[in-house]
N, C-alpha and C. Protein backbone atom coordinates (compact mmCIF):
# COMPACT_ATOMS: atom_id res chain seq x y z
N UNK A 1 5.69 -57.33 -70.18
CA UNK A 1 4.47 -58.34 -70.80
C UNK A 1 3.27 -57.11 -71.00
N UNK A 2 2.81 -57.19 -72.37
CA UNK A 2 2.39 -56.18 -71.93
C UNK A 2 0.46 -56.68 -72.27
N UNK A 3 -0.67 -56.76 -71.74
CA UNK A 3 -1.42 -57.25 -71.69
C UNK A 3 -2.60 -57.32 -73.25
N UNK A 4 -3.48 -57.95 -74.37
CA UNK A 4 -3.74 -57.51 -75.20
C UNK A 4 -4.93 -56.60 -75.34
N UNK A 5 -5.62 -56.05 -75.60
CA UNK A 5 -7.28 -55.01 -76.12
C UNK A 5 -7.89 -56.80 -75.64
N UNK A 6 -8.81 -55.89 -75.79
CA UNK A 6 -9.95 -57.97 -75.57
C UNK A 6 -10.84 -56.43 -77.17
N UNK A 7 -11.15 -56.83 -77.52
CA UNK A 7 -12.19 -55.97 -78.95
C UNK A 7 -12.71 -56.24 -78.65
N UNK A 8 -14.50 -55.76 -78.36
CA UNK A 8 -16.12 -56.01 -79.38
C UNK A 8 -16.11 -56.19 -80.29
N UNK A 9 -16.62 -57.57 -80.97
CA UNK A 9 -16.85 -57.30 -83.03
C UNK A 9 -18.24 -57.16 -82.54
N UNK A 10 -18.95 -57.15 -83.70
CA UNK A 10 -19.66 -56.35 -84.06
C UNK A 10 -20.57 -56.86 -85.35
N UNK A 11 -20.88 -58.11 -85.82
CA UNK A 11 -20.40 -58.73 -86.56
C UNK A 11 -22.33 -59.24 -87.34
N UNK A 12 -22.39 -58.78 -88.56
CA UNK A 12 -23.51 -59.22 -89.49
C UNK A 12 -23.81 -61.16 -89.61
N UNK A 13 -25.47 -61.27 -89.44
CA UNK A 13 -25.94 -62.38 -89.98
C UNK A 13 -26.62 -62.60 -91.16
N UNK A 14 -25.87 -62.90 -92.53
CA UNK A 14 -26.37 -62.19 -93.67
C UNK A 14 -27.61 -63.61 -94.54
N UNK A 15 -26.19 -65.26 -93.87
CA UNK A 15 -26.89 -66.40 -94.31
C UNK A 15 -28.42 -66.59 -93.75
N UNK A 16 -29.62 -66.45 -94.21
CA UNK A 16 -30.69 -66.46 -93.60
C UNK A 16 -31.06 -67.34 -93.43
N UNK A 17 -30.68 -68.92 -94.17
CA UNK A 17 -30.79 -70.03 -93.48
C UNK A 17 -29.96 -70.51 -92.06
N UNK A 18 -29.11 -69.67 -92.02
CA UNK A 18 -28.19 -70.91 -90.74
C UNK A 18 -29.31 -69.67 -89.04
N UNK A 19 -29.99 -67.81 -89.36
CA UNK A 19 -30.54 -67.15 -88.65
C UNK A 19 -30.96 -67.74 -87.06
N UNK A 20 -32.02 -68.90 -87.97
CA UNK A 20 -32.35 -69.77 -86.99
C UNK A 20 -31.74 -70.25 -86.11
N UNK A 21 -30.62 -71.48 -86.85
CA UNK A 21 -29.99 -72.14 -85.33
C UNK A 21 -29.45 -71.50 -84.21
N UNK A 22 -28.98 -69.78 -85.03
CA UNK A 22 -28.14 -69.17 -84.01
C UNK A 22 -28.42 -68.27 -82.57
N UNK A 23 -30.32 -68.40 -83.34
CA UNK A 23 -30.47 -67.72 -82.17
C UNK A 23 -31.30 -68.62 -81.62
N UNK A 24 -31.47 -69.53 -81.85
CA UNK A 24 -32.25 -71.25 -81.07
C UNK A 24 -31.13 -71.66 -80.28
N UNK A 25 -29.54 -71.22 -80.48
CA UNK A 25 -28.56 -72.51 -80.00
C UNK A 25 -28.29 -73.65 -80.32
N UNK A 26 -27.88 -73.64 -81.55
CA UNK A 26 -27.64 -75.08 -82.03
C UNK A 26 -26.43 -75.02 -82.87
N UNK A 27 -26.47 -73.79 -83.49
CA UNK A 27 -25.36 -72.99 -84.60
C UNK A 27 -24.30 -71.99 -84.26
N UNK A 28 -23.26 -72.66 -83.98
CA UNK A 28 -22.25 -72.10 -83.06
C UNK A 28 -21.65 -72.03 -83.77
N UNK A 29 -21.68 -71.08 -84.62
CA UNK A 29 -19.67 -71.22 -85.86
C UNK A 29 -19.82 -70.44 -86.81
N UNK A 30 -19.68 -69.83 -87.06
CA UNK A 30 -19.37 -68.09 -88.81
C UNK A 30 -17.56 -68.83 -89.42
N UNK A 31 -17.88 -68.23 -90.23
CA UNK A 31 -16.65 -68.86 -91.12
C UNK A 31 -16.76 -67.04 -91.78
N UNK A 32 -15.30 -66.53 -91.47
CA UNK A 32 -15.57 -64.63 -91.64
C UNK A 32 -14.04 -64.74 -92.20
N UNK A 33 -14.01 -63.61 -93.62
CA UNK A 33 -12.50 -63.81 -93.76
C UNK A 33 -12.09 -62.67 -92.80
N UNK A 34 -10.23 -63.13 -92.90
CA UNK A 34 -9.10 -62.63 -91.56
C UNK A 34 -9.84 -60.76 -92.11
N UNK A 35 -9.13 -60.19 -93.34
CA UNK A 35 -8.98 -59.16 -93.14
C UNK A 35 -7.96 -58.18 -92.08
N UNK A 36 -9.19 -56.43 -91.35
CA UNK A 36 -8.47 -56.54 -90.42
C UNK A 36 -8.72 -56.34 -89.59
N UNK A 37 -9.76 -57.29 -89.24
CA UNK A 37 -10.29 -58.10 -88.29
C UNK A 37 -9.40 -58.49 -86.82
N UNK A 38 -8.89 -59.14 -86.40
CA UNK A 38 -8.59 -59.98 -85.45
C UNK A 38 -8.85 -60.39 -84.16
N UNK A 39 -9.34 -61.35 -84.37
CA UNK A 39 -9.89 -62.30 -83.84
C UNK A 39 -9.30 -63.49 -82.77
N UNK A 40 -9.98 -62.63 -80.99
CA UNK A 40 -9.00 -64.07 -80.10
C UNK A 40 -10.25 -64.34 -79.13
N UNK A 41 -9.79 -65.73 -79.24
CA UNK A 41 -10.54 -66.55 -77.90
C UNK A 41 -10.46 -64.94 -76.33
N UNK A 42 -11.71 -65.74 -76.79
CA UNK A 42 -12.58 -64.79 -75.26
C UNK A 42 -12.88 -63.35 -74.98
N UNK A 43 -12.86 -63.50 -76.64
CA UNK A 43 -13.09 -61.59 -77.07
C UNK A 43 -15.06 -61.83 -77.21
N UNK A 44 -16.09 -60.15 -76.82
CA UNK A 44 -17.64 -60.83 -77.13
C UNK A 44 -17.12 -60.44 -78.51
N UNK A 45 -18.73 -60.90 -78.82
CA UNK A 45 -19.26 -60.38 -79.83
C UNK A 45 -20.55 -59.93 -80.36
N UNK A 46 -21.59 -59.20 -80.66
CA UNK A 46 -22.26 -58.76 -80.91
C UNK A 46 -22.66 -59.04 -82.00
N UNK A 47 -23.55 -61.16 -82.63
CA UNK A 47 -24.14 -61.03 -83.94
C UNK A 47 -25.22 -60.05 -83.88
N UNK A 48 -26.53 -59.99 -85.37
CA UNK A 48 -27.20 -59.49 -85.44
C UNK A 48 -27.72 -59.93 -86.72
N UNK A 49 -29.70 -59.49 -86.39
CA UNK A 49 -29.46 -60.04 -88.71
C UNK A 49 -29.98 -59.06 -88.58
N UNK A 50 -30.68 -58.20 -90.20
CA UNK A 50 -31.45 -56.44 -90.14
C UNK A 50 -32.63 -57.28 -90.60
N UNK A 51 -33.49 -55.71 -90.21
CA UNK A 51 -35.70 -55.92 -90.37
C UNK A 51 -35.61 -56.42 -92.29
N UNK A 52 -34.90 -55.76 -93.02
CA UNK A 52 -35.39 -55.80 -94.20
C UNK A 52 -33.25 -55.76 -95.61
N UNK A 53 -33.16 -54.95 -96.21
CA UNK A 53 -31.96 -54.89 -96.83
C UNK A 53 -30.47 -54.59 -96.08
N UNK A 54 -29.67 -55.53 -95.76
CA UNK A 54 -28.13 -54.76 -94.63
C UNK A 54 -27.55 -53.81 -95.12
N UNK A 55 -27.46 -53.41 -93.89
CA UNK A 55 -26.92 -52.44 -94.22
C UNK A 55 -27.39 -51.05 -94.10
N UNK A 56 -29.06 -51.19 -94.38
CA UNK A 56 -29.60 -50.40 -95.54
C UNK A 56 -31.12 -49.62 -94.65
N UNK A 57 -31.34 -50.62 -93.40
CA UNK A 57 -32.28 -51.08 -92.61
C UNK A 57 -32.01 -51.33 -90.75
N UNK A 58 -32.56 -50.92 -90.49
CA UNK A 58 -32.15 -51.43 -88.86
C UNK A 58 -31.88 -52.64 -88.54
N UNK A 59 -31.27 -53.21 -86.98
CA UNK A 59 -31.01 -54.83 -86.88
C UNK A 59 -32.62 -55.32 -86.47
N UNK A 60 -32.59 -56.36 -86.81
CA UNK A 60 -33.75 -57.42 -86.82
C UNK A 60 -33.79 -57.01 -84.67
N UNK A 61 -31.86 -57.87 -84.96
CA UNK A 61 -32.50 -59.52 -83.21
C UNK A 61 -30.79 -59.16 -83.14
N UNK A 62 -30.28 -58.50 -82.11
CA UNK A 62 -29.06 -59.67 -81.37
C UNK A 62 -29.10 -59.78 -81.26
N UNK A 63 -27.17 -60.64 -80.51
CA UNK A 63 -26.47 -61.52 -79.93
C UNK A 63 -25.24 -61.53 -79.11
N UNK A 64 -25.18 -61.44 -77.70
CA UNK A 64 -23.53 -61.11 -77.10
C UNK A 64 -23.34 -62.97 -77.08
N UNK A 65 -22.00 -62.79 -76.42
CA UNK A 65 -21.04 -64.38 -77.36
C UNK A 65 -19.87 -64.15 -77.92
N UNK A 66 -19.46 -65.45 -76.54
CA UNK A 66 -18.15 -64.69 -76.34
C UNK A 66 -17.38 -65.96 -77.49
N UNK A 67 -16.31 -65.23 -78.05
CA UNK A 67 -15.52 -66.62 -78.86
C UNK A 67 -15.16 -67.54 -77.87
N UNK A 68 -15.19 -68.88 -78.67
CA UNK A 68 -14.58 -70.09 -77.78
C UNK A 68 -13.01 -70.82 -78.07
N UNK A 69 -13.37 -70.60 -79.44
CA UNK A 69 -12.84 -70.83 -80.57
C UNK A 69 -12.61 -70.33 -81.49
N UNK A 70 -10.69 -70.49 -82.58
CA UNK A 70 -10.45 -69.40 -83.32
C UNK A 70 -9.75 -70.35 -84.84
N UNK A 71 -10.09 -70.55 -85.67
CA UNK A 71 -9.35 -71.69 -86.56
C UNK A 71 -9.14 -71.16 -87.92
N UNK A 72 -7.82 -70.83 -88.61
CA UNK A 72 -7.68 -70.31 -89.30
C UNK A 72 -6.80 -71.20 -89.97
N UNK A 73 -8.23 -70.81 -91.04
CA UNK A 73 -7.99 -71.79 -93.02
C UNK A 73 -7.81 -70.82 -94.17
N UNK A 74 -7.07 -71.72 -95.10
CA UNK A 74 -7.00 -71.27 -95.81
C UNK A 74 -7.89 -72.06 -97.27
N UNK A 75 -8.46 -71.07 -98.23
CA UNK A 75 -9.84 -72.33 -98.47
C UNK A 75 -9.74 -71.34 -100.49
N UNK A 76 -9.78 -72.39 -101.45
CA UNK A 76 -9.57 -72.07 -102.25
C UNK A 76 -10.42 -73.05 -103.48
N UNK A 77 -11.29 -72.86 -104.26
CA UNK A 77 -11.64 -73.91 -105.67
C UNK A 77 -12.46 -75.06 -105.16
N UNK A 78 -10.94 -76.24 -104.56
CA UNK A 78 -11.01 -77.22 -104.67
C UNK A 78 -11.03 -78.29 -103.38
N UNK A 79 -11.41 -76.81 -102.11
CA UNK A 79 -10.88 -77.47 -100.95
C UNK A 79 -10.60 -76.44 -99.17
N UNK A 80 -10.07 -76.97 -98.32
CA UNK A 80 -8.68 -76.18 -97.67
C UNK A 80 -7.92 -77.11 -96.69
N UNK A 81 -7.36 -75.79 -96.47
CA UNK A 81 -6.01 -77.04 -95.73
C UNK A 81 -6.38 -75.54 -93.72
N UNK A 82 -6.05 -76.54 -92.85
CA UNK A 82 -6.25 -75.41 -91.20
C UNK A 82 -4.93 -75.45 -91.26
N UNK A 83 -5.24 -74.17 -90.87
CA UNK A 83 -3.58 -73.47 -90.95
C UNK A 83 -3.22 -73.38 -89.21
N UNK A 84 -4.38 -72.73 -89.21
CA UNK A 84 -3.69 -72.02 -86.96
C UNK A 84 -3.04 -71.18 -87.33
N UNK A 85 -3.10 -70.45 -88.53
CA UNK A 85 -2.30 -69.12 -88.38
C UNK A 85 -0.57 -69.40 -88.40
N UNK A 86 0.34 -70.92 -88.32
CA UNK A 86 1.33 -71.50 -88.06
C UNK A 86 1.79 -71.15 -89.59
N UNK A 87 2.81 -71.25 -89.67
CA UNK A 87 4.27 -70.65 -90.29
C UNK A 87 3.89 -72.12 -91.84
N UNK A 88 3.49 -71.33 -93.05
CA UNK A 88 3.15 -73.16 -93.85
C UNK A 88 4.03 -73.21 -95.20
N UNK A 89 4.42 -74.21 -94.80
CA UNK A 89 5.74 -74.27 -96.63
C UNK A 89 4.35 -75.32 -97.86
N UNK A 90 4.36 -75.39 -98.41
CA UNK A 90 3.41 -75.99 -99.65
C UNK A 90 4.14 -76.94 -100.29
N UNK A 91 2.74 -77.12 -99.39
CA UNK A 91 3.21 -79.11 -100.65
C UNK A 91 2.22 -79.59 -100.91
N UNK A 92 1.89 -78.50 -102.22
CA UNK A 92 0.97 -78.82 -102.75
C UNK A 92 -0.13 -79.42 -103.29
N UNK A 93 -1.56 -79.98 -103.65
CA UNK A 93 -3.17 -80.04 -103.30
C UNK A 93 -2.64 -80.77 -102.38
N UNK A 94 -1.61 -82.23 -102.34
CA UNK A 94 -2.43 -83.83 -101.46
C UNK A 94 -1.39 -82.46 -99.76
N UNK A 95 -1.60 -81.56 -99.37
CA UNK A 95 -1.29 -81.09 -97.79
C UNK A 95 0.55 -80.27 -98.22
N UNK A 96 -0.35 -79.46 -96.64
CA UNK A 96 0.75 -79.36 -96.24
C UNK A 96 1.48 -79.09 -95.14
N UNK A 97 3.02 -78.37 -94.86
CA UNK A 97 3.39 -78.79 -93.46
C UNK A 97 3.67 -77.35 -92.81
N UNK A 98 2.50 -77.50 -91.46
CA UNK A 98 2.56 -76.27 -90.98
C UNK A 98 3.11 -76.56 -89.53
N UNK A 99 4.39 -75.45 -89.95
CA UNK A 99 5.78 -75.97 -88.16
C UNK A 99 5.47 -77.91 -88.19
N UNK A 100 5.99 -77.91 -89.03
CA UNK A 100 6.77 -78.74 -88.93
C UNK A 100 5.18 -80.43 -88.30
N UNK A 101 4.10 -80.25 -88.72
CA UNK A 101 2.92 -81.18 -88.76
C UNK A 101 2.24 -81.12 -90.45
N UNK A 102 2.04 -82.00 -91.20
CA UNK A 102 1.28 -82.43 -91.47
C UNK A 102 -0.45 -82.13 -91.76
N UNK A 103 -0.48 -80.85 -92.29
CA UNK A 103 -1.93 -80.02 -92.36
C UNK A 103 -2.58 -80.71 -93.42
N UNK A 104 -3.45 -81.94 -94.15
CA UNK A 104 -4.35 -82.15 -94.47
C UNK A 104 -4.82 -80.83 -95.87
N UNK A 105 -4.59 -81.26 -97.14
CA UNK A 105 -6.01 -80.96 -97.85
C UNK A 105 -6.73 -81.24 -97.57
N UNK A 106 -7.86 -80.31 -97.63
CA UNK A 106 -9.90 -81.07 -97.51
C UNK A 106 -10.40 -80.28 -98.06
N UNK A 107 -11.72 -81.25 -99.40
CA UNK A 107 -11.78 -81.32 -100.69
C UNK A 107 -12.98 -80.41 -100.43
N UNK A 108 -13.90 -79.79 -101.39
CA UNK A 108 -15.00 -79.17 -100.53
C UNK A 108 -16.12 -81.44 -100.52
N UNK A 109 -15.55 -81.99 -101.03
CA UNK A 109 -16.68 -82.40 -101.42
C UNK A 109 -16.46 -84.01 -100.26
N UNK A 110 -15.56 -84.17 -99.30
CA UNK A 110 -15.14 -84.83 -98.52
C UNK A 110 -16.21 -84.45 -97.57
N UNK A 111 -16.40 -85.76 -96.22
CA UNK A 111 -16.83 -85.75 -95.22
C UNK A 111 -16.72 -84.09 -94.47
N UNK A 112 -15.40 -84.37 -94.15
CA UNK A 112 -14.77 -83.18 -93.68
C UNK A 112 -15.27 -82.45 -93.39
N UNK A 113 -15.58 -82.15 -95.21
CA UNK A 113 -16.24 -80.76 -95.34
C UNK A 113 -17.58 -80.01 -94.86
N UNK A 114 -18.03 -81.71 -95.16
CA UNK A 114 -19.67 -82.19 -94.79
C UNK A 114 -19.30 -81.60 -92.99
N UNK A 115 -19.18 -82.36 -92.75
CA UNK A 115 -18.79 -81.57 -90.92
C UNK A 115 -19.19 -80.40 -90.55
N UNK A 116 -18.15 -79.20 -91.78
CA UNK A 116 -17.67 -77.97 -91.76
C UNK A 116 -19.09 -77.43 -91.68
N UNK A 117 -19.84 -77.71 -92.62
CA UNK A 117 -20.98 -77.25 -93.48
C UNK A 117 -22.45 -77.60 -92.24
N UNK A 118 -22.37 -79.43 -91.85
CA UNK A 118 -23.08 -78.56 -90.72
C UNK A 118 -23.36 -77.69 -89.77
N UNK A 119 -21.64 -78.09 -88.80
CA UNK A 119 -21.31 -77.00 -87.46
C UNK A 119 -21.79 -75.85 -88.29
N UNK A 120 -21.96 -75.31 -89.12
CA UNK A 120 -22.15 -73.86 -89.42
C UNK A 120 -22.85 -73.06 -89.97
N UNK A 121 -24.43 -74.42 -89.62
CA UNK A 121 -25.22 -74.00 -90.66
C UNK A 121 -25.94 -74.30 -92.29
N UNK A 122 -25.32 -74.40 -93.37
CA UNK A 122 -25.56 -74.46 -94.37
C UNK A 122 -26.65 -75.81 -94.47
N UNK A 123 -27.62 -75.17 -94.49
CA UNK A 123 -28.30 -75.30 -95.89
C UNK A 123 -28.92 -75.68 -97.09
N UNK A 124 -28.32 -77.38 -97.90
CA UNK A 124 -28.47 -78.39 -97.49
C UNK A 124 -26.44 -78.41 -96.78
N UNK A 125 -26.51 -79.96 -95.53
CA UNK A 125 -25.43 -79.19 -94.95
C UNK A 125 -23.90 -79.85 -96.14
N UNK A 126 -24.04 -79.76 -96.41
CA UNK A 126 -22.83 -80.60 -97.29
C UNK A 126 -21.48 -78.89 -97.79
N UNK A 127 -20.84 -79.60 -97.68
CA UNK A 127 -19.03 -78.98 -98.22
C UNK A 127 -19.22 -78.17 -99.47
N UNK A 128 -20.15 -79.21 -100.68
CA UNK A 128 -19.72 -77.91 -101.41
C UNK A 128 -21.51 -77.13 -101.65
N UNK A 129 -21.99 -76.98 -100.97
CA UNK A 129 -22.65 -76.28 -100.37
C UNK A 129 -22.33 -75.37 -100.05
N UNK A 130 -21.88 -75.54 -98.84
CA UNK A 130 -20.44 -74.40 -98.11
C UNK A 130 -20.03 -73.15 -98.81
N UNK A 131 -19.53 -74.41 -99.56
CA UNK A 131 -18.44 -74.07 -100.99
C UNK A 131 -19.17 -72.63 -101.48
N UNK A 132 -20.77 -72.70 -102.61
CA UNK A 132 -21.41 -72.23 -102.99
C UNK A 132 -21.67 -70.52 -102.08
N UNK A 133 -21.81 -71.29 -101.39
CA UNK A 133 -22.03 -69.37 -99.98
C UNK A 133 -20.49 -68.63 -99.74
N UNK A 134 -20.35 -69.56 -99.44
CA UNK A 134 -18.58 -68.95 -99.38
C UNK A 134 -18.04 -67.85 -100.24
N UNK A 135 -18.16 -68.04 -101.49
CA UNK A 135 -18.17 -67.91 -103.04
C UNK A 135 -19.20 -66.39 -102.61
N UNK A 136 -20.20 -66.79 -101.35
CA UNK A 136 -20.84 -65.32 -102.24
C UNK A 136 -20.23 -64.46 -101.01
N UNK A 137 -19.16 -64.60 -100.32
CA UNK A 137 -18.48 -63.55 -100.22
C UNK A 137 -16.64 -63.38 -99.96
N UNK A 138 -16.08 -64.19 -101.07
CA UNK A 138 -14.69 -64.22 -101.22
C UNK A 138 -14.73 -64.46 -102.18
N UNK A 139 -13.90 -64.31 -102.67
CA UNK A 139 -13.29 -64.66 -103.73
C UNK A 139 -12.53 -65.58 -104.05
N UNK A 140 -12.66 -67.14 -103.90
CA UNK A 140 -12.23 -68.43 -103.74
C UNK A 140 -10.42 -68.80 -104.48
N UNK A 141 -11.02 -68.10 -105.97
CA UNK A 141 -8.92 -68.27 -106.59
C UNK A 141 -8.23 -67.18 -106.02
N UNK A 142 -8.73 -66.49 -105.64
CA UNK A 142 -7.83 -65.96 -104.72
C UNK A 142 -6.97 -66.70 -103.14
N UNK A 143 -7.43 -67.86 -103.09
CA UNK A 143 -7.01 -68.67 -101.99
C UNK A 143 -7.35 -67.46 -101.26
N UNK A 144 -8.19 -67.51 -100.48
CA UNK A 144 -8.76 -66.49 -99.20
C UNK A 144 -8.16 -67.09 -97.57
N UNK A 145 -7.78 -65.67 -96.84
CA UNK A 145 -7.24 -66.40 -95.69
C UNK A 145 -8.47 -66.34 -94.35
N UNK A 146 -9.37 -67.61 -94.05
CA UNK A 146 -10.30 -68.04 -93.13
C UNK A 146 -10.02 -67.92 -92.30
N UNK A 147 -11.79 -67.32 -91.00
CA UNK A 147 -11.29 -67.77 -89.61
C UNK A 147 -13.27 -68.41 -89.81
N UNK A 148 -12.32 -69.68 -88.94
CA UNK A 148 -13.34 -70.38 -88.56
C UNK A 148 -14.32 -69.69 -86.62
N UNK A 149 -14.78 -69.90 -87.01
CA UNK A 149 -15.52 -68.58 -85.41
C UNK A 149 -15.74 -69.40 -84.80
N UNK A 150 -16.21 -69.66 -83.63
CA UNK A 150 -16.51 -70.54 -82.23
C UNK A 150 -17.39 -69.62 -81.53
N UNK A 151 -18.87 -69.60 -80.73
CA UNK A 151 -18.65 -69.47 -79.48
C UNK A 151 -19.74 -70.21 -78.36
């Protein structure tokens, strides 16, 4: 059996409203596009901010955390569904079957999306505002695969 290689991730925080809560230890979550990086529970992550313009200035702070939870979601313009990386059969707007279990479709205007926004340090803490913030970083029309990362 092969042993998994532990990757140390470096992740910048650019959503300014969230940074104080991360530094105070009251926000333990971020949502990122899956991309080429694969996140695993237990892996270390260096979170950091920027002095000025991102990627063109020095780091302003840094913090090492370890991932305690990685949740996979697929988002779109109206909401999201939690998949946790399992095989998915599309049932349309009302939900999906994920490994023979029903995965409900969660609309951005729902209280469940509001709860995700609260955990993510979104200001104001609503699902609709979370949608706006995510739209600055990913194209929701393309139904991106996102990772909810918790530490």
